[in-house]
């Protein structure tokens, strides 16, 4: 069910998981969400799950792709967060452990958010490898939407970078408070890796408590003894050593 993992021994000692909800990702709805919950329920080390709903984060996209001003984009993001929770609360209640729902605005209201966010923005301006990692992650997003590199407008790239820098600031605060495995159906972002390995100076070290668990919904490509469930992949020790070099 789980491939050989980076720091597998340490990962297995984590008793908390984080389900990071991306509202517009179809893997967080319907049967897919239930499969993820089923997988979490089968992991005996977890005794708590935090459901982190990244609703307000989407305002960056709404301002660019829906041509909304900041106030309307914020209103739309709250509405979509409410709607997602209303549709999926029954599924979340299938978790067999205590769970806590946290909305994105909770983290933006934290007293340390502005300082943490400013540190991340300064690192983007001053630390070239970090900037390159953020731009790489942003471009991957546009490629998934069908863009070629030369089709991305400067204002679109700027909005995507703002999205990523805010996400990094929030999760730096989050994992500074909670050591946990984040369950998500995608590879770890390069910008998260470079922060997690402490390669960027003068920023929060909260992400050192971050373990990335990648849920994969195509079990035919991996070794799994329960083929009706998704599988979790965490980077191999060799991959992590290369990233940390």
Protein backbone atom coordinates (compact mmCIF):
# COMPACT_ATOMS: atom_id res chain seq x y z
CA UNK A 1 0.00 0.00 0.00
CA UNK A 2 2.90 2.36 0.77
CA UNK A 3 6.10 2.47 -1.27
CA UNK A 4 9.50 2.63 0.46
CA UNK A 5 9.51 6.12 1.88
CA UNK A 6 11.73 9.01 2.81
CA UNK A 7 12.30 8.78 6.56
CA UNK A 8 9.72 6.02 6.72
CA UNK A 9 10.44 5.35 10.38
CA UNK A 10 9.84 9.02 11.24
CA UNK A 11 6.77 9.24 9.03
CA UNK A 12 5.19 6.24 10.73
CA UNK A 13 5.54 7.97 14.10
CA UNK A 14 3.29 10.84 12.98
CA UNK A 15 -0.11 10.52 14.62
CA UNK A 16 -1.72 13.43 12.78
CA UNK A 17 -2.63 13.85 9.13
CA UNK A 18 -3.65 16.95 7.23
CA UNK A 19 -6.11 16.75 4.38
CA UNK A 20 -5.36 19.85 2.31
CA UNK A 21 -8.53 20.58 0.35
CA UNK A 22 -8.20 22.18 -3.08
CA UNK A 23 -11.78 23.11 -3.89
CA UNK A 24 -11.62 22.70 -7.66
CA UNK A 25 -9.66 19.45 -7.70
CA UNK A 26 -12.09 16.62 -8.63
CA UNK A 27 -10.08 14.23 -6.48
CA UNK A 28 -11.56 16.00 -3.44
CA UNK A 29 -15.14 15.19 -4.30
CA UNK A 30 -17.49 12.25 -4.55
CA UNK A 31 -16.10 8.72 -4.55
CA UNK A 32 -12.51 9.97 -4.79
CA UNK A 33 -12.79 11.82 -1.49
CA UNK A 34 -14.36 8.76 0.13
CA UNK A 35 -11.44 6.62 -1.06
CA UNK A 36 -8.96 9.04 0.48
CA UNK A 37 -10.91 8.95 3.75
CA UNK A 38 -11.03 5.16 3.62
CA UNK A 39 -7.26 5.09 3.22
CA UNK A 40 -6.77 7.47 6.17
CA UNK A 41 -9.06 5.33 8.32
CA UNK A 42 -6.90 2.28 7.58
CA UNK A 43 -3.70 3.93 8.85
CA UNK A 44 -3.43 2.83 12.45
CA UNK A 45 -0.95 5.53 13.49
CA UNK A 46 -3.35 8.42 12.84
CA UNK A 47 -5.52 9.50 15.74
CA UNK A 48 -6.39 12.99 14.43
CA UNK A 49 -7.09 14.57 11.05
CA UNK A 50 -7.08 18.27 10.22
CA UNK A 51 -9.11 19.26 7.16
CA UNK A 52 -7.53 22.46 5.87
CA UNK A 53 -9.88 24.10 3.33
CA UNK A 54 -7.94 26.38 0.98
CA UNK A 55 -10.95 28.43 -0.06
CA UNK A 56 -9.79 32.05 0.31
CA UNK A 57 -6.49 31.15 -1.37
CA UNK A 58 -8.42 30.85 -4.63
CA UNK A 59 -9.18 34.58 -4.68
CA UNK A 60 -5.90 35.07 -6.57
CA UNK A 61 -7.22 32.96 -9.43
CA UNK A 62 -10.66 34.54 -9.38
CA UNK A 63 -9.19 38.02 -9.74
CA UNK A 64 -7.25 36.99 -12.86
CA UNK A 65 -9.33 34.35 -14.59
CA UNK A 66 -12.78 35.68 -13.59
CA UNK A 67 -11.80 39.38 -13.77
CA UNK A 68 -13.11 40.06 -10.26
CA UNK A 69 -11.95 42.79 -7.94
CA UNK A 70 -10.49 41.77 -4.61
CA UNK A 71 -13.74 42.16 -2.66
CA UNK A 72 -15.79 40.06 -5.10
CA UNK A 73 -13.04 37.47 -5.40
CA UNK A 74 -12.95 37.13 -1.61
CA UNK A 75 -16.73 36.81 -1.46
CA UNK A 76 -16.68 34.13 -4.16
CA UNK A 77 -13.96 32.16 -2.39
CA UNK A 78 -15.92 32.14 0.89
CA UNK A 79 -19.02 31.04 -0.98
CA UNK A 80 -17.20 28.18 -2.69
CA UNK A 81 -15.71 27.09 0.63
CA UNK A 82 -19.17 27.04 2.26
CA UNK A 83 -20.57 25.14 -0.71
CA UNK A 84 -17.79 22.51 -0.63
CA UNK A 85 -18.28 21.89 3.08
CA UNK A 86 -22.06 21.61 2.70
CA UNK A 87 -21.66 19.03 -0.07
CA UNK A 88 -18.96 16.96 1.61
CA UNK A 89 -19.63 17.08 5.34
CA UNK A 90 -21.27 13.65 5.22
CA UNK A 91 -18.11 12.24 3.65
CA UNK A 92 -15.87 13.90 6.23
CA UNK A 93 -17.98 12.41 8.99
CA UNK A 94 -16.88 8.98 7.73
CA UNK A 95 -13.47 9.62 9.29
CA UNK A 96 -13.07 7.21 12.21
CA UNK A 97 -11.02 9.68 14.26
CA UNK A 98 -11.53 13.20 15.60
CA UNK A 99 -11.22 15.76 12.82
CA UNK A 100 -11.05 19.52 12.78
CA UNK A 101 -12.04 21.78 9.90
CA UNK A 102 -9.87 24.84 9.40
CA UNK A 103 -10.65 27.54 6.85
CA UNK A 104 -7.88 29.43 5.06
CA UNK A 105 -8.76 32.82 6.57
CA UNK A 106 -7.90 31.41 10.01
CA UNK A 107 -4.24 31.45 9.01
CA UNK A 108 -4.33 34.87 7.33
CA UNK A 109 -5.67 36.30 10.61
CA UNK A 110 -2.80 34.89 12.67
CA UNK A 111 -0.62 37.54 14.29
CA UNK A 112 2.55 36.07 12.76
CA UNK A 113 1.17 35.81 9.23
CA UNK A 114 2.27 39.21 7.92
CA UNK A 115 5.86 38.75 9.10
CA UNK A 116 6.04 35.19 7.75
CA UNK A 117 4.54 36.23 4.41
CA UNK A 118 7.00 39.14 4.13
CA UNK A 119 9.91 36.77 4.79
CA UNK A 120 8.72 34.51 1.99
CA UNK A 121 8.26 37.44 -0.41
CA UNK A 122 11.73 38.78 0.40
CA UNK A 123 13.20 35.35 -0.24
CA UNK A 124 11.48 35.28 -3.62
CA UNK A 125 13.05 38.63 -4.52
CA UNK A 126 16.53 37.90 -3.15
CA UNK A 127 17.16 34.13 -3.34
CA UNK A 128 17.44 32.99 -6.95
CA UNK A 129 17.06 29.19 -6.41
CA UNK A 130 13.88 29.77 -4.42
CA UNK A 131 12.50 32.13 -7.07
CA UNK A 132 13.25 29.55 -9.75
CA UNK A 133 11.42 26.87 -7.75
CA UNK A 134 8.35 29.08 -7.34
CA UNK A 135 8.28 29.96 -11.05
CA UNK A 136 8.68 26.28 -11.93
CA UNK A 137 5.67 25.40 -9.75
CA UNK A 138 3.63 28.25 -11.24
CA UNK A 139 4.44 27.16 -14.79
CA UNK A 140 3.43 23.59 -14.00
CA UNK A 141 0.02 24.93 -12.99
CA UNK A 142 -0.39 26.72 -16.31
CA UNK A 143 0.75 23.68 -18.27
CA UNK A 144 -1.92 21.61 -16.52
CA UNK A 145 -4.43 24.19 -17.77
CA UNK A 146 -3.14 23.76 -21.32
CA UNK A 147 -0.94 26.86 -21.59
CA UNK A 148 2.37 27.02 -23.40
CA UNK A 149 5.03 29.09 -21.66
CA UNK A 150 4.74 31.93 -24.16
CA UNK A 151 0.97 32.12 -23.62
CA UNK A 152 1.17 33.03 -19.93
CA UNK A 153 0.57 36.74 -19.44
CA UNK A 154 2.70 38.63 -16.86
CA UNK A 155 -0.39 39.39 -14.74
CA UNK A 156 -1.31 35.68 -14.75
CA UNK A 157 2.18 34.65 -13.66
CA UNK A 158 2.13 37.34 -10.98
CA UNK A 159 -1.18 36.03 -9.59
CA UNK A 160 0.11 32.46 -9.57
CA UNK A 161 3.30 33.49 -7.77
CA UNK A 162 1.22 35.38 -5.18
CA UNK A 163 -0.89 32.24 -4.70
CA UNK A 164 2.19 30.08 -4.09
CA UNK A 165 3.92 32.54 -1.76
CA UNK A 166 0.77 32.84 0.35
CA UNK A 167 0.41 29.06 0.45
CA UNK A 168 4.02 28.69 1.60
CA UNK A 169 3.55 31.32 4.30
CA UNK A 170 0.38 29.69 5.61
CA UNK A 171 1.86 26.19 5.70
CA UNK A 172 5.03 27.51 7.34
CA UNK A 173 2.82 28.72 10.19
CA UNK A 174 0.67 25.60 10.12
CA UNK A 175 3.56 23.13 10.33
CA UNK A 176 5.33 25.31 12.85
CA UNK A 177 2.41 24.46 15.10
CA UNK A 178 1.56 20.92 13.93
CA UNK A 179 3.90 18.12 12.95
CA UNK A 180 1.91 16.07 10.49
CA UNK A 181 1.64 14.19 7.22
CA UNK A 182 -0.12 16.21 4.53
CA UNK A 183 -2.22 13.96 2.30
CA UNK A 184 -2.50 15.31 -1.24
CA UNK A 185 -3.01 13.79 -4.72
CA UNK A 186 0.05 15.36 -6.35
CA UNK A 187 3.82 15.46 -6.09
CA UNK A 188 5.41 17.79 -3.59
CA UNK A 189 5.98 21.26 -5.05
CA UNK A 190 9.59 22.30 -5.62
CA UNK A 191 9.09 25.47 -3.61
CA UNK A 192 7.96 23.39 -0.62
CA UNK A 193 10.99 21.13 -0.95
CA UNK A 194 13.55 23.92 -0.96
CA UNK A 195 12.01 25.43 2.18
CA UNK A 196 11.58 22.07 3.89
CA UNK A 197 15.28 21.30 3.45
CA UNK A 198 16.27 24.63 4.95
CA UNK A 199 17.96 25.94 1.81
CA UNK A 200 16.43 29.42 1.97
CA UNK A 201 17.85 31.85 4.56
CA UNK A 202 15.85 34.19 6.79
CA UNK A 203 12.51 32.41 6.56
CA UNK A 204 10.40 30.39 8.97
CA UNK A 205 11.54 26.80 9.54
CA UNK A 206 7.99 25.55 10.12
CA UNK A 207 8.06 23.29 7.07
CA UNK A 208 10.70 21.09 8.67
CA UNK A 209 7.71 19.48 10.44
CA UNK A 210 6.07 18.79 7.06
CA UNK A 211 5.77 15.29 5.61
CA UNK A 212 4.29 15.05 2.13
CA UNK A 213 2.05 12.07 1.41
CA UNK A 214 1.10 11.74 -2.25
CA UNK A 215 -2.13 9.87 -2.89
CA UNK A 216 -2.13 8.04 -6.24
CA UNK A 217 -5.37 6.86 -7.83
CA UNK A 218 -3.86 4.52 -10.42
CA UNK A 219 -2.84 1.44 -8.40
CA UNK A 220 -1.95 -0.57 -11.53
CA UNK A 221 1.40 1.23 -11.67
CA UNK A 222 2.48 0.45 -8.12
CA UNK A 223 2.63 -2.46 -5.73
CA UNK A 224 -0.56 -2.57 -3.73
CA UNK A 225 -2.33 -5.35 -1.93
CA UNK A 226 -5.63 -3.45 -1.79
CA UNK A 227 -6.32 -2.43 -5.35
CA UNK A 228 -9.61 -0.66 -4.66
CA UNK A 229 -7.87 1.96 -2.53
CA UNK A 230 -5.51 4.75 -3.48
CA UNK A 231 -1.89 4.31 -2.50
CA UNK A 232 0.41 6.69 -0.72
CA UNK A 233 3.82 7.53 -2.12
CA UNK A 234 6.38 9.50 -0.16
CA UNK A 235 9.73 10.25 -1.88
CA UNK A 236 12.34 7.53 -1.57
CA UNK A 237 15.39 8.05 0.60
CA UNK A 238 17.54 8.35 -2.51
CA UNK A 239 15.30 11.04 -4.01
CA UNK A 240 15.32 12.99 -0.76
CA UNK A 241 19.09 12.77 -0.50
CA UNK A 242 19.41 14.21 -4.01
CA UNK A 243 17.05 17.05 -3.13
CA UNK A 244 18.92 17.83 0.06
CA UNK A 245 22.33 17.87 -1.65
